[in-house]
Amino acid sequence: MPCFQRCAGSLPVGAVTNYGARKRSRAVRNESYRVVRPCALRHCAVFTLLCARLNLHSYRVTLKLALAVWFVGPLPLLIVNGLFIKLHSAITVAYSLGWLVKLMLPAVAVTLILR
């Protein structure tokens, strides 16, 4: 038996309704994970198709393309979010380096596969 049912007389009314809100938020969070998970595979697949279509087969060229995509896409977005949401600069740097790694790994993988 959950705690809020055992001592329901001593809890405020909002505590009982808050339990249902927490269950709904978990369901929404699980649904969002199901939607977001394929995004990592999608950007790897798009990067691989781009390298294959442009006939980029060397480490140097694919890493340059990954760096260019990072400069154009995620880096400005993360910097603006860091400034306006007032995130700590270490968090912004960590997120931006994470995106750089997410783009560099497919670049190396493409080179190994297409060679």
Protein backbone atom coordinates (compact mmCIF):
# COMPACT_ATOMS: atom_id res chain seq x y z
CA MET A 1 0.00 0.00 0.00
CA PRO A 2 1.50 3.39 -0.99
CA CYS A 3 2.44 5.84 1.72
CA PHE A 4 -0.14 8.44 0.74
CA GLN A 5 -2.97 5.93 1.26
CA ARG A 6 -1.76 4.90 4.72
CA CYS A 7 -1.57 8.42 6.07
CA ALA A 8 -3.97 10.21 3.76
CA GLY A 9 -5.51 12.13 6.64
CA SER A 10 -2.22 13.84 7.47
CA LEU A 11 -1.27 14.78 3.89
CA PRO A 12 -2.48 17.89 2.14
CA VAL A 13 -4.90 17.41 -0.72
CA GLY A 14 -2.29 18.48 -3.30
CA ALA A 15 0.03 15.63 -2.31
CA VAL A 16 -2.47 12.99 -3.41
CA THR A 17 -3.07 14.66 -6.78
CA ASN A 18 0.68 15.23 -7.19
CA TYR A 19 1.20 11.46 -7.22
CA GLY A 20 -0.93 11.16 -10.35
CA ALA A 21 0.96 14.04 -11.98
CA ARG A 22 4.24 12.26 -11.35
CA LYS A 23 2.91 9.12 -13.02
CA ARG A 24 1.81 11.15 -16.05
CA SER A 25 5.18 12.91 -16.26
CA ARG A 26 6.95 9.54 -16.28
CA ALA A 27 4.74 8.37 -19.11
CA VAL A 28 5.44 11.54 -21.08
CA ARG A 29 9.18 11.19 -20.40
CA ASN A 30 9.18 7.56 -21.58
CA GLU A 31 7.31 8.59 -24.73
CA SER A 32 9.82 11.35 -25.44
CA TYR A 33 12.70 8.88 -25.08
CA ARG A 34 11.04 6.64 -27.65
CA VAL A 35 10.81 9.56 -30.04
CA VAL A 36 14.34 10.93 -29.47
CA ARG A 37 16.36 7.69 -29.50
CA PRO A 38 16.28 7.20 -33.29
CA CYS A 39 17.63 10.75 -33.80
CA ALA A 40 21.20 9.66 -33.05
CA LEU A 41 20.98 6.94 -35.67
CA ARG A 42 19.35 9.35 -38.09
CA HIS A 43 22.14 11.94 -37.98
CA CYS A 44 24.77 9.19 -38.34
CA ALA A 45 22.95 7.79 -41.35
CA VAL A 46 22.57 11.22 -42.97
CA PHE A 47 26.25 11.97 -42.41
CA THR A 48 27.22 8.60 -43.90
CA LEU A 49 25.02 9.16 -46.96
CA LEU A 50 26.45 12.65 -47.40
CA CYS A 51 30.02 11.34 -47.34
CA ALA A 52 29.14 8.52 -49.73
CA ARG A 53 27.33 10.89 -52.11
CA LEU A 54 30.24 13.38 -52.11
CA ASN A 55 32.84 10.58 -52.49
CA LEU A 56 34.66 11.52 -49.29
CA HIS A 57 36.83 8.59 -48.30
CA SER A 58 39.79 10.01 -46.35
CA TYR A 59 40.05 10.80 -42.66
CA ARG A 60 41.11 14.38 -43.28
CA VAL A 61 38.18 15.27 -45.52
CA THR A 62 35.47 13.53 -43.47
CA LEU A 63 36.76 15.06 -40.23
CA LYS A 64 36.78 18.49 -41.88
CA LEU A 65 33.18 17.95 -42.95
CA ALA A 66 32.22 16.91 -39.42
CA LEU A 67 33.92 20.01 -38.01
CA ALA A 68 32.15 22.23 -40.56
CA VAL A 69 28.77 20.71 -39.71
CA TRP A 70 29.53 21.25 -36.01
CA PHE A 71 30.43 24.92 -36.59
CA VAL A 72 27.28 25.53 -38.65
CA GLY A 73 24.71 23.54 -36.67
CA PRO A 74 25.07 22.59 -33.01
CA LEU A 75 27.74 25.05 -31.85
CA PRO A 76 25.84 28.32 -32.51
CA LEU A 77 22.63 26.80 -31.19
CA LEU A 78 24.32 25.67 -27.97
CA ILE A 79 26.05 29.01 -27.47
CA VAL A 80 22.78 30.91 -27.86
CA ASN A 81 21.00 28.50 -25.51
CA GLY A 82 23.82 28.87 -23.00
CA LEU A 83 23.52 32.66 -23.08
CA PHE A 84 19.75 32.99 -22.98
CA ILE A 85 18.94 30.13 -20.63
CA LYS A 86 21.91 31.16 -18.49
CA LEU A 87 23.53 27.74 -18.37
CA HIS A 88 26.92 27.44 -16.74
CA SER A 89 29.70 27.72 -19.30
CA ALA A 90 31.05 24.28 -18.36
CA ILE A 91 27.71 22.71 -19.27
CA THR A 92 27.66 24.51 -22.61
CA VAL A 93 31.23 23.37 -23.35
CA ALA A 94 30.37 19.79 -22.38
CA TYR A 95 27.31 19.73 -24.63
CA SER A 96 29.22 21.24 -27.55
CA LEU A 97 32.10 18.77 -27.17
CA GLY A 98 29.57 15.96 -26.98
CA TRP A 99 28.12 17.07 -30.31
CA LEU A 100 31.61 17.26 -31.79
CA VAL A 101 32.26 13.67 -30.73
CA LYS A 102 28.87 12.60 -32.12
CA LEU A 103 29.93 14.00 -35.48
CA MET A 104 33.55 12.81 -35.42
CA LEU A 105 32.71 9.17 -34.69
CA PRO A 106 30.59 8.70 -37.82
CA ALA A 107 33.30 10.49 -39.82
CA VAL A 108 35.89 7.93 -38.71
CA ALA A 109 33.42 5.07 -39.20
CA VAL A 110 32.61 6.22 -42.73
CA THR A 111 36.27 6.33 -43.60
CA LEU A 112 36.81 2.80 -42.28
CA ILE A 113 33.76 1.43 -44.07
CA LEU A 114 34.09 3.17 -47.43
CA ARG A 115 37.82 2.63 -47.90
